[in-house]
C-alpha atoms as a PDB file:
ATOM      1  CA  MET A   1      22.012  -9.276  41.621  1.00  0.00           C
ATOM      2  CA  ASP A   2      19.540  -7.089  40.468  1.00  0.00           C
ATOM      3  CA  LEU A   3      19.556  -7.344  36.663  1.00  0.00           C
ATOM      4  CA  ILE A   4      17.573  -4.723  35.038  1.00  0.00           C
ATOM      5  CA  LEU A   5      16.703  -5.099  31.666  1.00  0.00           C
ATOM      6  CA  VAL A   6      15.420  -2.542  29.565  1.00  0.00           C
ATOM      7  CA  ARG A   7      14.968  -2.587  25.847  1.00  0.00           C
ATOM      8  CA  HIS A   8      16.159  -0.215  23.450  1.00  0.00           C
ATOM      9  CA  GLY A   9      13.804   3.073  21.990  1.00  0.00           C
ATOM     10  CA  GLN A  10      11.683   2.532  18.930  1.00  0.00           C
ATOM     11  CA  ALA A  11      14.366   2.750  15.755  1.00  0.00           C
ATOM     12  CA  GLU A  12      13.920   5.107  12.968  1.00  0.00           C
ATOM     13  CA  ALA A  13      12.392   2.158  10.876  1.00  0.00           C
ATOM     14  CA  ARG A  14       8.997   1.858   8.854  1.00  0.00           C
ATOM     15  CA  PRO A  15       6.631  -0.592   9.705  1.00  0.00           C
ATOM     16  CA  GLY A  16       7.512  -4.067   9.765  1.00  0.00           C
ATOM     17  CA  LEU A  17      10.638  -3.486   8.520  1.00  0.00           C
ATOM     18  CA  CYS A  18      12.853  -6.672   9.688  1.00  0.00           C
ATOM     19  CA  ILE A  19      15.799  -5.182  11.746  1.00  0.00           C
ATOM     20  CA  GLY A  20      17.671  -7.295  12.899  1.00  0.00           C
ATOM     21  CA  HIS A  21      21.366  -6.678  13.185  1.00  0.00           C
ATOM     22  CA  ALA A  22      20.855  -3.780  10.523  1.00  0.00           C
ATOM     23  CA  ASP A  23      22.316  -0.388  12.403  1.00  0.00           C
ATOM     24  CA  LEU A  24      19.508   1.628  12.774  1.00  0.00           C
ATOM     25  CA  PRO A  25      19.557   4.713  15.226  1.00  0.00           C
ATOM     26  CA  LEU A  26      16.430   5.629  17.593  1.00  0.00           C
ATOM     27  CA  SER A  27      13.803   7.355  15.785  1.00  0.00           C
ATOM     28  CA  ALA A  28      12.058  10.718  18.057  1.00  0.00           C
ATOM     29  CA  ARG A  29       9.871   9.671  19.959  1.00  0.00           C
ATOM     30  CA  GLY A  30      11.851   6.205  20.612  1.00  0.00           C
ATOM     31  CA  PHE A  31      14.319   8.354  22.346  1.00  0.00           C
ATOM     32  CA  THR A  32      11.570  10.649  24.047  1.00  0.00           C
ATOM     33  CA  ASP A  33      10.642   7.363  25.014  1.00  0.00           C
ATOM     34  CA  VAL A  34      13.773   5.719  26.774  1.00  0.00           C
ATOM     35  CA  GLN A  35      14.003  10.320  28.299  1.00  0.00           C
ATOM     36  CA  GLN A  36      11.185   9.482  29.867  1.00  0.00           C
ATOM     37  CA  LEU A  37      11.516   5.890  31.276  1.00  0.00           C
ATOM     38  CA  ALA A  38      14.817   7.186  32.392  1.00  0.00           C
ATOM     39  CA  THR A  39      12.833   9.664  34.960  1.00  0.00           C
ATOM     40  CA  THR A  40      10.453   6.892  37.230  1.00  0.00           C
ATOM     41  CA  TRP A  41      14.154   5.162  38.109  1.00  0.00           C
ATOM     42  CA  VAL A  42      13.912   4.432  41.835  1.00  0.00           C
ATOM     43  CA  GLY A  43      16.585   3.166  44.457  1.00  0.00           C
ATOM     44  CA  VAL A  44      20.266   2.988  43.985  1.00  0.00           C
ATOM     45  CA  PRO A  45      21.950   3.626  40.338  1.00  0.00           C
ATOM     46  CA  PRO A  46      23.799   0.819  39.116  1.00  0.00           C
ATOM     47  CA  ARG A  47      26.859  -0.101  39.437  1.00  0.00           C
ATOM     48  CA  PHE A  48      27.059  -1.590  35.564  1.00  0.00           C
ATOM     49  CA  LEU A  49      25.597  -0.120  32.570  1.00  0.00           C
ATOM     50  CA  PHE A  50      25.755  -3.140  29.354  1.00  0.00           C
ATOM     51  CA  THR A  51      24.588  -2.313  26.125  1.00  0.00           C
ATOM     52  CA  SER A  52      24.092  -4.034  22.820  1.00  0.00           C
ATOM     53  CA  ASP A  53      26.612  -2.643  20.183  1.00  0.00           C
ATOM     54  CA  LEU A  54      23.967  -1.518  17.559  1.00  0.00           C
ATOM     55  CA  ARG A  55      23.135   1.619  17.473  1.00  0.00           C
ATOM     56  CA  ARG A  56      19.477   1.748  18.987  1.00  0.00           C
ATOM     57  CA  ALA A  57      20.511   0.341  21.743  1.00  0.00           C
ATOM     58  CA  GLN A  58      24.208   2.554  22.168  1.00  0.00           C
ATOM     59  CA  GLN A  59      22.533   5.482  21.546  1.00  0.00           C
ATOM     60  CA  SER A  60      19.505   4.514  24.316  1.00  0.00           C
ATOM     61  CA  ALA A  61      22.309   3.382  27.153  1.00  0.00           C
ATOM     62  CA  GLN A  62      24.012   6.962  26.896  1.00  0.00           C
ATOM     63  CA  VAL A  63      20.292   7.910  27.559  1.00  0.00           C
ATOM     64  CA  PHE A  64      21.318   6.254  31.091  1.00  0.00           C
ATOM     65  CA  ALA A  65      24.674   6.923  30.838  1.00  0.00           C
ATOM     66  CA  ALA A  66      24.581  10.969  31.299  1.00  0.00           C
ATOM     67  CA  ALA A  67      21.641  10.166  33.918  1.00  0.00           C
ATOM     68  CA  PHE A  68      23.881   7.977  36.328  1.00  0.00           C
ATOM     69  CA  ALA A  69      27.295   9.491  35.285  1.00  0.00           C
ATOM     70  CA  ILE A  70      28.019   5.757  33.962  1.00  0.00           C
ATOM     71  CA  GLU A  71      30.314   4.385  31.418  1.00  0.00           C
ATOM     72  CA  PRO A  72      28.455   1.986  29.081  1.00  0.00           C
ATOM     73  CA  LEU A  73      29.977  -1.288  28.657  1.00  0.00           C
ATOM     74  CA  SER A  74      29.610  -2.439  24.864  1.00  0.00           C
ATOM     75  CA  ASP A  75      29.099  -6.653  24.316  1.00  0.00           C
ATOM     76  CA  PRO A  76      28.260  -7.605  21.217  1.00  0.00           C
ATOM     77  CA  ARG A  77      26.731 -10.221  23.063  1.00  0.00           C
ATOM     78  CA  LEU A  78      23.249  -8.411  23.823  1.00  0.00           C
ATOM     79  CA  ARG A  79      22.007  -8.339  20.039  1.00  0.00           C
ATOM     80  CA  GLU A  80      19.240  -8.435  17.919  1.00  0.00           C
ATOM     81  CA  ALA A  81      18.861 -12.001  16.225  1.00  0.00           C
ATOM     82  CA  ASP A  82      20.809 -11.509  13.020  1.00  0.00           C
ATOM     83  CA  PHE A  83      18.337 -12.403  10.444  1.00  0.00           C
ATOM     84  CA  GLY A  84      21.191 -12.192   8.147  1.00  0.00           C
ATOM     85  CA  ARG A  85      20.444 -12.191   4.174  1.00  0.00           C
ATOM     86  CA  TRP A  86      16.986 -10.525   5.714  1.00  0.00           C
ATOM     87  CA  ASN A  87      17.960  -7.568   7.881  1.00  0.00           C
ATOM     88  CA  GLY A  88      16.815  -4.265   6.277  1.00  0.00           C
ATOM     89  CA  ARG A  89      14.193  -5.987   5.027  1.00  0.00           C
ATOM     90  CA  HIS A  90      10.045  -6.607   4.671  1.00  0.00           C
ATOM     91  CA  TRP A  91       8.595  -9.041   6.378  1.00  0.00           C
ATOM     92  CA  ASN A  92       5.963  -9.552   3.101  1.00  0.00           C
ATOM     93  CA  GLU A  93       9.011  -8.592   0.928  1.00  0.00           C
ATOM     94  CA  VAL A  94      10.815 -11.551   2.769  1.00  0.00           C
ATOM     95  CA  VAL A  95       7.799 -13.670   2.216  1.00  0.00           C
ATOM     96  CA  GLN A  96       7.028 -12.802  -1.091  1.00  0.00           C
ATOM     97  CA  ALA A  97      10.832 -13.105  -2.183  1.00  0.00           C
ATOM     98  CA  ASP A  98      11.954 -15.965  -0.010  1.00  0.00           C
ATOM     99  CA  ALA A  99       8.830 -18.282   0.469  1.00  0.00           C
ATOM    100  CA  ASP A 100      10.440 -21.708   0.950  1.00  0.00           C
ATOM    101  CA  HIS A 101      13.457 -20.240   3.338  1.00  0.00           C
ATOM    102  CA  TYR A 102      10.922 -19.017   5.462  1.00  0.00           C
ATOM    103  CA  ARG A 103       8.413 -20.695   6.029  1.00  0.00           C
ATOM    104  CA  HIS A 104      11.622 -23.500   7.145  1.00  0.00           C
ATOM    105  CA  TRP A 105      12.538 -20.770   8.951  1.00  0.00           C
ATOM    106  CA  PHE A 106       9.087 -19.583  10.991  1.00  0.00           C
ATOM    107  CA  ASP A 107       8.633 -23.430  11.488  1.00  0.00           C
ATOM    108  CA  ASN A 108      11.129 -24.015  12.658  1.00  0.00           C
ATOM    109  CA  TRP A 109      12.829 -20.483  14.662  1.00  0.00           C
ATOM    110  CA  VAL A 110      14.177 -22.051  17.979  1.00  0.00           C
ATOM    111  CA  ILE A 111      17.129 -24.146  15.689  1.00  0.00           C
ATOM    112  CA  GLN A 112      17.156 -22.950  12.133  1.00  0.00           C
ATOM    113  CA  GLU A 113      18.793 -19.816  11.466  1.00  0.00           C
ATOM    114  CA  ALA A 114      18.356 -17.464   9.239  1.00  0.00           C
ATOM    115  CA  PRO A 115      19.544 -17.320   5.807  1.00  0.00           C
ATOM    116  CA  ASP A 116      22.951 -16.685   6.708  1.00  0.00           C
ATOM    117  CA  GLY A 117      21.809 -15.518  10.456  1.00  0.00           C
ATOM    118  CA  GLU A 118      21.311 -16.804  13.610  1.00  0.00           C
ATOM    119  CA  SER A 119      18.454 -19.390  15.101  1.00  0.00           C
ATOM    120  CA  PHE A 120      17.351 -18.517  18.697  1.00  0.00           C
ATOM    121  CA  ALA A 121      19.171 -21.300  19.607  1.00  0.00           C
ATOM    122  CA  ASP A 122      22.192 -19.499  18.926  1.00  0.00           C
ATOM    123  CA  VAL A 123      21.195 -16.465  20.727  1.00  0.00           C
ATOM    124  CA  LEU A 124      20.032 -18.412  23.746  1.00  0.00           C
ATOM    125  CA  ARG A 125      23.900 -19.487  23.767  1.00  0.00           C
ATOM    126  CA  ARG A 126      25.982 -15.505  23.262  1.00  0.00           C
ATOM    127  CA  THR A 127      23.499 -14.038  25.843  1.00  0.00           C
ATOM    128  CA  GLY A 128      23.968 -17.715  27.798  1.00  0.00           C
ATOM    129  CA  ALA A 129      27.718 -16.734  28.106  1.00  0.00           C
ATOM    130  CA  TRP A 130      27.278 -13.026  28.615  1.00  0.00           C
ATOM    131  CA  LEU A 131      24.704 -13.813  31.618  1.00  0.00           C
ATOM    132  CA  ALA A 132      27.057 -16.761  33.471  1.00  0.00           C
ATOM    133  CA  ALA A 133      30.288 -13.825  32.926  1.00  0.00           C
ATOM    134  CA  LEU A 134      28.047 -11.736  34.669  1.00  0.00           C
ATOM    135  CA  LEU A 135      27.079 -13.753  37.727  1.00  0.00           C
ATOM    136  CA  ALA A 136      30.961 -14.872  37.876  1.00  0.00           C
ATOM    137  CA  ALA A 137      32.019 -10.714  38.061  1.00  0.00           C
ATOM    138  CA  THR A 138      29.167  -9.510  40.263  1.00  0.00           C
ATOM    139  CA  GLY A 139      27.778  -9.164  43.973  1.00  0.00           C
ATOM    140  CA  ASN A 140      24.630  -9.313  45.823  1.00  0.00           C
ATOM    141  CA  ASP A 141      24.270  -6.042  46.253  1.00  0.00           C
ATOM    142  CA  ASP A 142      24.593  -5.161  42.633  1.00  0.00           C
ATOM    143  CA  CYS A 143      22.549  -3.776  40.175  1.00  0.00           C
ATOM    144  CA  VAL A 144      23.384  -4.103  36.669  1.00  0.00           C
ATOM    145  CA  LEU A 145      21.376  -2.235  34.002  1.00  0.00           C
ATOM    146  CA  ALA A 146      21.320  -3.877  30.913  1.00  0.00           C
ATOM    147  CA  ILE A 147      20.225  -2.632  27.136  1.00  0.00           C
ATOM    148  CA  GLY A 148      18.829  -5.028  24.369  1.00  0.00           C
ATOM    149  CA  HIS A 149      16.457  -6.142  22.612  1.00  0.00           C
ATOM    150  CA  ALA A 150      13.950  -8.347  21.937  1.00  0.00           C
ATOM    151  CA  GLY A 151      15.349 -11.593  21.311  1.00  0.00           C
ATOM    152  CA  SER A 152      18.580 -11.680  23.391  1.00  0.00           C
ATOM    153  CA  ILE A 153      16.235  -9.879  26.565  1.00  0.00           C
ATOM    154  CA  ARG A 154      13.471 -13.066  25.637  1.00  0.00           C
ATOM    155  CA  ALA A 155      16.882 -15.361  25.714  1.00  0.00           C
ATOM    156  CA  VAL A 156      18.313 -13.071  29.289  1.00  0.00           C
ATOM    157  CA  LEU A 157      14.512 -14.430  30.835  1.00  0.00           C
ATOM    158  CA  CYS A 158      14.547 -17.657  29.178  1.00  0.00           C
ATOM    159  CA  HIS A 159      17.870 -18.562  31.264  1.00  0.00           C
ATOM    160  CA  ALA A 160      16.628 -16.808  34.227  1.00  0.00           C
ATOM    161  CA  LEU A 161      13.109 -18.626  34.308  1.00  0.00           C
ATOM    162  CA  GLY A 162      13.759 -21.971  33.232  1.00  0.00           C
ATOM    163  CA  LEU A 163      12.125 -21.507  30.569  1.00  0.00           C
ATOM    164  CA  PRO A 164      11.832 -23.621  27.409  1.00  0.00           C
ATOM    165  CA  PRO A 165      13.185 -22.093  24.418  1.00  0.00           C
ATOM    166  CA  GLY A 166       9.717 -22.298  22.022  1.00  0.00           C
ATOM    167  CA  ARG A 167       8.226 -20.057  24.986  1.00  0.00           C
ATOM    168  CA  ALA A 168      10.474 -17.117  24.116  1.00  0.00           C
ATOM    169  CA  LEU A 169       7.296 -14.966  22.338  1.00  0.00           C
ATOM    170  CA  GLY A 170       5.443 -15.713  24.937  1.00  0.00           C
ATOM    171  CA  ILE A 171       7.174 -13.149  26.169  1.00  0.00           C
ATOM    172  CA  ALA A 172       5.666  -9.460  25.830  1.00  0.00           C
ATOM    173  CA  VAL A 173       9.201  -7.479  25.821  1.00  0.00           C
ATOM    174  CA  ASP A 174       7.842  -4.099  24.844  1.00  0.00           C
ATOM    175  CA  HIS A 175      10.588  -0.583  23.315  1.00  0.00           C
ATOM    176  CA  SER A 176      11.328   1.389  26.442  1.00  0.00           C
ATOM    177  CA  ARG A 177      10.226  -1.210  28.575  1.00  0.00           C
ATOM    178  CA  VAL A 178      11.855  -3.253  31.816  1.00  0.00           C
ATOM    179  CA  SER A 179      12.235  -6.563  33.043  1.00  0.00           C
ATOM    180  CA  ARG A 180      13.880  -7.415  36.223  1.00  0.00           C
ATOM    181  CA  VAL A 181      15.154 -10.239  38.423  1.00  0.00           C
ATOM    182  CA  ARG A 182      17.012 -10.818  41.413  1.00  0.00           C
ATOM    183  CA  TYR A 183      19.406 -13.416  41.755  1.00  0.00           C
ATOM    184  CA  ALA A 184      20.946 -14.711  44.718  1.00  0.00           C
ATOM    185  CA  ASN A 185      22.005 -17.636  46.809  1.00  0.00           C
ATOM    186  CA  GLY A 186      22.219 -19.545  42.782  1.00  0.00           C
ATOM    187  CA  GLN A 187      17.948 -18.510  41.931  1.00  0.00           C
ATOM    188  CA  PHE A 188      16.433 -15.881  39.990  1.00  0.00           C
ATOM    189  CA  GLU A 189      13.590 -13.910  41.086  1.00  0.00           C
ATOM    190  CA  VAL A 190      11.020 -12.263  38.448  1.00  0.00           C
ATOM    191  CA  ARG A 191      10.098  -9.038  40.201  1.00  0.00           C
ATOM    192  CA  CYS A 192       8.799  -7.702  36.795  1.00  0.00           C
ATOM    193  CA  ILE A 193       8.925  -8.042  33.758  1.00  0.00           C
ATOM    194  CA  ASN A 194       7.496  -5.358  30.467  1.00  0.00           C
ATOM    195  CA  SER A 195       7.110  -2.662  32.644  1.00  0.00           C
ATOM    196  CA  SER A 196       6.353   0.979  31.839  1.00  0.00           C
ATOM    197  CA  ARG A 197       8.376   2.261  33.993  1.00  0.00           C
ATOM    198  CA  PHE A 198      11.186   0.969  37.006  1.00  0.00           C
ATOM    199  CA  GLU A 199       9.023  -0.056  40.132  1.00  0.00           C
ATOM    200  CA  LYS A 200      10.550  -1.018  44.183  1.00  0.00           C
ATOM    201  CA  ASP A 201      10.628  -3.657  45.320  1.00  0.00           C
END
């Protein structure tokens, strides 16, 4: 199975905003960037198109759905990390208004939930469940395209690469970028991470 992970386009948000589960749409630039990325597709079209159920991912998925005449399959397990009461607030505001909680979370983000939200370990659990179900349902020749977020894509790549969770932030996952892994004979092989275009084998 070829698993192709794409981060949604840039959302309509001011810089420095903690977006998380805030359900923001794509910006005009984000929409254009996803459209441009779609034009670089090479090879057979995906058999399955999965997407987070958040609007910025859904709108990005619709670009590929139109290109491939395929129905997106929405799955909340591909959502961004839930930052709880920080969702939709500016990080500077969070640091000033909730300093103690922020510092504790920042120092322990793998296992520490944001207030009323999730830890990265929680994101790993739900994306791991999605990945396990996907592997059970697909064959060696299937191509799967999944539209997610920085957090959920990093979590999937941690599973695929066998990386410890603490190294997740070292994985670059920019807007409208592609990461691709191949799964065969019980092993993952990374083909590309954070590419600006779809690449041939």
